[in-house]
Amino acid sequence: MSRVSLAWLYAITKYGYPPPMDKVFKVVDDAAQLGFKAIELEVVGEKNLREFEEFKKRLKDYIDGKGLIVINVAAIFRELLSPDESVRENALEWFRRTCDLAAYFNSPMVQIDTFTPPIEFIDVKPYSTAIVFGEKYRVRIPSGFSWRGFWKMLIDVVKRCSLIAKDYGLLLSIEPRIGETISNSDAMLRLLDEVGEDNLGAVLDTGHLHAAKELIPLSIEKLGEKILYVHISDNDGRDNYHWAPGKGTIDWEAVFEGLKRHNFKGYIAIDVGGQDIRDRLDEEVIEAKKFIEEMGKKYHLC
């Protein structure tokens, strides 16, 4: 299967969150040595955005020189969902600049997160300082919080991001993730319906959906042609670990049957990582890549 990419979780696991810019070049080296032809990039915050802008020519030349392409650029700006309108406007400009970067790298797609609503987390907050799986969360709903008001703001922001991406000829993807506002396929469907832009779609992340107790073949049926991209990992169905396929309890035959049923022709990313497998990361990635390529051939997802 030719459309297999390396997800950015590899970079985060190996080099930190976000990785320093010198390590971004190392990720490119690693991807090429592991046999990939396509990678993701991820921009986290305005400081990291400025670093990518500063090094964009050198990085693009380096990526091209390794025979790689960029197929997704994630724009991770928590400020997009700030209750402060001026902060949101700044973040929307950062998103526009990230779309400009994505176009520069010839990526067909950008991605945003939906983060957590402005509620109080006691002790641990999802994805606040690192990508950590299997966490337990305790929350309190603050007085004055309005779910309907927050949802309305989310729809407005995602619609504006969709339109900005469209101006650059880009698709916009969102990944339902454990602990975030959009955490399952039904929430994703509601978001797609209410935003109503044709360039907006979903990242089917098997690790997060399985840990959310979703039946992934049914998730595929729900999202159908709106699946723009797939992130592949496995876990035990309880915690959102990101192991190589076969290490957990996902029914992979049913997943690939579903993708074939909907004629999926996009990229499948190896989204394997996390501190629990850091010491054997490359081994797990190689194993996952081999598995996905074999399944891709079996189900003619080429």
Protein backbone atom coordinates (compact mmCIF):
# COMPACT_ATOMS: atom_id res chain seq x y z
CA MET A 1 0.00 0.00 0.00
CA SER A 2 1.58 3.26 -1.14
CA ARG A 3 -0.49 5.73 0.89
CA VAL A 4 0.96 5.09 4.35
CA SER A 5 2.31 8.03 6.35
CA LEU A 6 4.05 8.60 9.67
CA ALA A 7 1.91 10.49 12.18
CA TRP A 8 3.41 13.22 14.36
CA LEU A 9 2.95 11.17 17.53
CA TYR A 10 6.25 9.52 16.59
CA ALA A 11 8.02 12.89 16.79
CA ILE A 12 6.35 13.79 20.08
CA THR A 13 7.19 10.44 21.68
CA LYS A 14 10.83 10.51 20.59
CA TYR A 15 11.72 14.20 20.82
CA GLY A 16 9.20 16.03 23.05
CA TYR A 17 6.10 18.20 22.79
CA PRO A 18 6.57 20.11 20.63
CA PRO A 19 9.91 18.83 19.32
CA PRO A 20 12.67 21.46 19.00
CA MET A 21 13.20 22.54 15.41
CA ASP A 22 16.51 20.68 15.08
CA LYS A 23 14.66 17.50 16.03
CA VAL A 24 12.04 18.16 13.33
CA PHE A 25 14.82 17.57 10.81
CA LYS A 26 15.67 14.36 12.69
CA VAL A 27 12.06 13.23 12.31
CA VAL A 28 12.45 13.62 8.55
CA ASP A 29 15.59 11.46 8.70
CA ASP A 30 13.80 8.87 10.83
CA ALA A 31 10.78 8.72 8.53
CA ALA A 32 12.97 8.13 5.48
CA GLN A 33 15.03 5.47 7.27
CA LEU A 34 11.84 3.69 8.37
CA GLY A 35 10.72 3.51 4.75
CA PHE A 36 7.98 6.14 4.70
CA LYS A 37 7.23 8.37 1.73
CA ALA A 38 4.79 10.70 3.51
CA ILE A 39 4.73 12.52 6.85
CA GLU A 40 2.68 14.91 8.96
CA LEU A 41 3.89 18.16 10.47
CA GLU A 42 2.45 19.81 13.57
CA VAL A 43 2.57 23.42 14.72
CA VAL A 44 1.92 23.96 18.45
CA GLY A 45 1.40 27.54 19.52
CA GLU A 46 2.52 30.85 18.07
CA LYS A 47 6.19 30.49 19.05
CA ASN A 48 6.44 27.14 17.26
CA LEU A 49 4.64 28.66 14.27
CA ARG A 50 7.31 31.37 14.01
CA GLU A 51 10.01 28.69 14.11
CA PHE A 52 8.39 26.79 11.25
CA GLU A 53 8.06 30.00 9.25
CA GLU A 54 11.72 30.83 9.85
CA PHE A 55 12.94 27.39 8.76
CA LYS A 56 10.32 26.61 6.11
CA LYS A 57 12.59 26.82 3.05
CA ARG A 58 15.34 24.77 4.61
CA LEU A 59 12.83 22.23 5.93
CA LYS A 60 11.00 21.89 2.63
CA ASP A 61 14.27 21.40 0.77
CA TYR A 62 15.27 18.78 3.34
CA ILE A 63 11.94 16.94 3.06
CA ASP A 64 12.12 17.03 -0.74
CA GLY A 65 15.71 15.80 -0.65
CA LYS A 66 14.66 12.75 1.37
CA GLY A 67 11.97 11.90 -1.18
CA LEU A 68 9.12 12.62 1.26
CA ILE A 69 5.88 14.55 0.94
CA VAL A 70 3.78 16.31 3.59
CA ILE A 71 0.16 15.19 3.59
CA ASN A 72 -1.15 16.97 6.70
CA VAL A 73 -0.21 19.99 8.82
CA ALA A 74 -1.85 20.18 12.25
CA ALA A 75 -2.48 23.64 13.69
CA ILE A 76 -2.64 23.23 17.47
CA PHE A 77 -3.79 26.54 18.94
CA ARG A 78 -5.81 26.31 22.16
CA GLU A 79 -6.53 30.02 21.79
CA LEU A 80 -8.94 29.23 18.94
CA LEU A 81 -11.53 28.36 21.59
CA SER A 82 -10.71 31.09 24.10
CA PRO A 83 -13.72 32.84 25.69
CA ASP A 84 -11.91 36.11 24.83
CA GLU A 85 -12.86 37.19 21.31
CA SER A 86 -9.62 39.13 20.75
CA VAL A 87 -7.58 36.05 21.67
CA ARG A 88 -9.64 33.96 19.24
CA GLU A 89 -9.05 36.48 16.47
CA ASN A 90 -5.28 36.29 17.03
CA ALA A 91 -5.46 32.49 16.90
CA LEU A 92 -7.44 32.59 13.66
CA GLU A 93 -4.62 34.64 12.15
CA TRP A 94 -2.14 32.02 13.38
CA PHE A 95 -4.31 29.41 11.71
CA ARG A 96 -4.27 31.39 8.47
CA ARG A 97 -0.47 31.51 8.64
CA THR A 98 -0.41 27.74 9.21
CA CYS A 99 -2.57 27.29 6.09
CA ASP A 100 0.00 29.37 4.24
CA LEU A 101 2.69 27.00 5.54
CA ALA A 102 0.66 23.95 4.52
CA ALA A 103 0.30 25.34 1.00
CA TYR A 104 4.04 26.05 0.92
CA PHE A 105 4.75 22.40 1.83
CA ASN A 106 2.20 21.28 -0.82
CA SER A 107 0.09 19.58 1.84
CA PRO A 108 -3.51 18.92 0.78
CA MET A 109 -4.84 19.20 4.32
CA VAL A 110 -4.68 21.03 7.63
CA GLN A 111 -6.00 19.78 10.96
CA ILE A 112 -7.28 21.42 14.14
CA ASP A 113 -8.23 20.11 17.57
CA THR A 114 -11.38 20.88 19.57
CA PHE A 115 -9.65 20.74 22.98
CA THR A 116 -11.64 20.76 26.21
CA PRO A 117 -14.41 23.20 27.10
CA PRO A 118 -13.54 25.85 29.73
CA ILE A 119 -14.34 23.64 32.70
CA GLU A 120 -12.21 23.03 35.78
CA PHE A 121 -9.87 20.03 35.74
CA ILE A 122 -8.65 18.86 39.12
CA ASP A 123 -5.02 17.71 38.90
CA VAL A 124 -4.61 16.41 35.32
CA LYS A 125 -5.89 18.12 32.16
CA PRO A 126 -5.89 16.27 28.80
CA TYR A 127 -2.92 17.01 26.52
CA SER A 128 -1.93 20.13 28.49
CA THR A 129 1.85 19.69 28.63
CA ALA A 130 2.40 16.32 26.95
CA ILE A 131 0.61 13.58 25.05
CA VAL A 132 -0.15 11.09 27.82
CA PHE A 133 -2.49 8.12 27.49
CA GLY A 134 -4.47 6.24 30.11
CA GLU A 135 -5.02 9.25 32.38
CA LYS A 136 -7.94 9.67 34.78
CA TYR A 137 -9.74 13.01 34.88
CA ARG A 138 -11.74 14.78 37.59
CA VAL A 139 -13.71 17.86 36.63
CA ARG A 140 -15.94 20.54 38.07
CA ILE A 141 -18.37 22.63 36.02
CA PRO A 142 -17.80 26.30 36.90
CA SER A 143 -20.72 28.59 37.57
CA GLY A 144 -21.66 30.58 34.51
CA PHE A 145 -20.54 27.90 32.04
CA SER A 146 -22.98 27.47 29.15
CA TRP A 147 -22.61 24.40 26.96
CA ARG A 148 -24.88 25.87 24.29
CA GLY A 149 -22.89 29.09 24.27
CA PHE A 150 -19.60 27.21 23.98
CA TRP A 151 -20.95 24.99 21.21
CA LYS A 152 -22.14 28.02 19.24
CA MET A 153 -18.64 29.52 19.49
CA LEU A 154 -17.08 26.21 18.39
CA ILE A 155 -19.29 26.09 15.29
CA ASP A 156 -18.34 29.67 14.40
CA VAL A 157 -14.61 29.02 14.82
CA VAL A 158 -14.61 25.77 12.85
CA LYS A 159 -16.63 27.38 10.06
CA ARG A 160 -14.18 30.26 9.84
CA CYS A 161 -11.25 27.84 9.83
CA SER A 162 -12.94 25.85 7.05
CA LEU A 163 -13.34 28.99 4.95
CA ILE A 164 -9.74 30.07 5.54
CA ALA A 165 -8.52 26.60 4.55
CA LYS A 166 -10.75 26.68 1.48
CA ASP A 167 -9.12 29.96 0.39
CA TYR A 168 -5.84 28.02 0.25
CA GLY A 169 -7.40 25.05 -1.54
CA LEU A 170 -7.01 22.88 1.57
CA LEU A 171 -9.13 20.27 3.29
CA LEU A 172 -9.73 20.76 7.02
CA SER A 173 -9.80 17.71 9.28
CA ILE A 174 -10.74 17.20 12.92
CA GLU A 175 -9.93 14.14 15.01
CA PRO A 176 -12.36 13.00 17.71
CA ARG A 177 -10.13 12.46 20.74
CA ILE A 178 -10.68 11.18 24.27
CA GLY A 179 -11.24 14.09 26.66
CA GLU A 180 -11.92 16.76 24.02
CA THR A 181 -15.07 18.57 22.94
CA ILE A 182 -15.41 16.34 19.87
CA SER A 183 -14.64 12.94 21.40
CA ASN A 184 -16.72 10.51 19.32
CA SER A 185 -18.19 9.99 15.87
CA ASP A 186 -21.67 11.26 16.78
CA ALA A 187 -20.29 14.58 18.01
CA MET A 188 -18.24 14.75 14.81
CA LEU A 189 -21.38 14.19 12.72
CA ARG A 190 -23.19 16.97 14.54
CA LEU A 191 -20.25 19.31 13.98
CA LEU A 192 -20.09 18.46 10.27
CA ASP A 193 -23.81 19.06 9.87
CA GLU A 194 -23.84 22.40 11.68
CA VAL A 195 -20.70 23.80 10.06
CA GLY A 196 -21.86 22.67 6.63
CA GLU A 197 -18.62 23.22 4.66
CA ASP A 198 -17.68 20.71 1.98
CA ASN A 199 -13.92 20.82 2.73
CA LEU A 200 -14.43 19.81 6.39
CA GLY A 201 -14.04 16.15 7.35
CA ALA A 202 -12.87 13.70 9.97
CA VAL A 203 -9.69 11.91 10.97
CA LEU A 204 -10.71 8.37 11.86
CA ASP A 205 -8.46 7.65 14.84
CA THR A 206 -8.87 3.99 15.73
CA GLY A 207 -7.05 4.28 19.07
CA HIS A 208 -9.25 7.04 20.45
CA LEU A 209 -12.50 5.60 19.08
CA HIS A 210 -11.77 2.14 20.45
CA ALA A 211 -11.00 3.55 23.90
CA ALA A 212 -14.27 5.52 23.68
CA LYS A 213 -16.04 2.15 23.37
CA GLU A 214 -17.12 2.84 19.80
CA LEU A 215 -17.73 0.05 17.32
CA ILE A 216 -15.24 1.26 14.73
CA PRO A 217 -16.94 -0.37 11.71
CA LEU A 218 -20.10 1.51 12.73
CA SER A 219 -18.07 4.72 13.13
CA ILE A 220 -16.90 4.24 9.55
CA GLU A 221 -20.50 3.80 8.40
CA LYS A 222 -21.53 6.99 10.19
CA LEU A 223 -18.72 9.15 8.85
CA GLY A 224 -18.47 7.51 5.40
CA GLU A 225 -17.12 9.83 2.71
CA LYS A 226 -16.33 12.45 5.34
CA ILE A 227 -13.33 10.38 6.48
CA LEU A 228 -10.43 12.35 5.03
CA TYR A 229 -7.60 10.59 6.81
CA VAL A 230 -7.01 7.60 9.09
CA HIS A 231 -4.81 7.33 12.18
CA ILE A 232 -4.02 3.70 12.99
CA SER A 233 -3.18 2.38 16.47
CA ASP A 234 -4.45 -0.33 18.80
CA ASN A 235 -5.25 -0.61 22.51
CA ASP A 236 -7.15 -2.70 25.04
CA GLY A 237 -10.44 -0.83 24.58
CA ARG A 238 -10.19 0.75 28.03
CA ASP A 239 -7.37 3.30 27.82
CA ASN A 240 -6.39 5.34 24.78
CA TYR A 241 -2.94 3.83 24.32
CA HIS A 242 -1.49 3.90 20.82
CA TRP A 243 0.10 0.50 20.20
CA ALA A 244 0.91 -1.28 16.96
CA PRO A 245 -2.06 -3.08 15.37
CA GLY A 246 -2.47 -6.55 16.83
CA LYS A 247 -1.24 -5.56 20.30
CA GLY A 248 -4.78 -4.70 21.42
CA THR A 249 -8.36 -5.81 20.75
CA ILE A 250 -9.45 -3.92 17.61
CA ASP A 251 -11.08 -6.06 14.91
CA TRP A 252 -8.83 -5.00 12.04
CA GLU A 253 -10.53 -7.12 9.38
CA ALA A 254 -13.79 -5.29 10.07
CA VAL A 255 -12.03 -1.90 10.01
CA PHE A 256 -10.50 -2.51 6.61
CA GLU A 257 -13.72 -4.03 5.27
CA GLY A 258 -15.45 -0.80 6.28
CA LEU A 259 -12.84 1.40 4.62
CA LYS A 260 -13.09 -0.66 1.44
CA ARG A 261 -16.89 -0.48 1.55
CA HIS A 262 -16.67 3.31 1.46
CA ASN A 263 -13.92 3.30 -1.17
CA PHE A 264 -11.45 5.09 1.06
CA LYS A 265 -8.47 6.26 -1.00
CA GLY A 266 -6.77 8.64 1.42
CA TYR A 267 -3.65 8.22 3.53
CA ILE A 268 -3.41 5.90 6.53
CA ALA A 269 -1.01 7.18 9.18
CA ILE A 270 0.90 5.02 11.61
CA ASP A 271 -0.15 6.75 14.84
CA VAL A 272 1.87 4.61 17.22
CA GLY A 273 3.61 6.10 20.26
CA GLY A 274 3.41 7.19 23.86
CA GLN A 275 5.84 6.97 26.75
CA ASP A 276 4.79 3.41 27.57
CA ILE A 277 6.38 2.19 24.30
CA ARG A 278 9.09 4.82 23.84
CA ASP A 279 11.92 2.34 24.33
CA ARG A 280 10.66 0.17 21.46
CA LEU A 281 9.10 2.90 19.32
CA ASP A 282 10.85 2.16 16.02
CA GLU A 283 10.14 -1.55 16.37
CA GLU A 284 6.42 -0.89 16.92
CA VAL A 285 6.26 1.56 14.00
CA ILE A 286 7.96 -0.90 11.62
CA GLU A 287 5.59 -3.65 12.75
CA ALA A 288 2.57 -1.37 12.28
CA LYS A 289 3.72 -0.23 8.83
CA LYS A 290 4.15 -3.81 7.63
CA PHE A 291 0.72 -4.78 8.96
CA ILE A 292 -1.05 -1.83 7.33
CA GLU A 293 0.67 -2.36 4.00
CA GLU A 294 -0.38 -6.01 4.01
CA MET A 295 -3.96 -5.14 4.93
CA GLY A 296 -4.03 -2.37 2.32
CA LYS A 297 -3.05 -4.84 -0.38
CA LYS A 298 -5.55 -7.41 0.85
CA TYR A 299 -8.41 -4.92 0.69
CA HIS A 300 -7.15 -3.04 -2.39
CA LEU A 301 -6.83 0.31 -0.60
CA CYS A 302 -4.22 1.60 -3.04
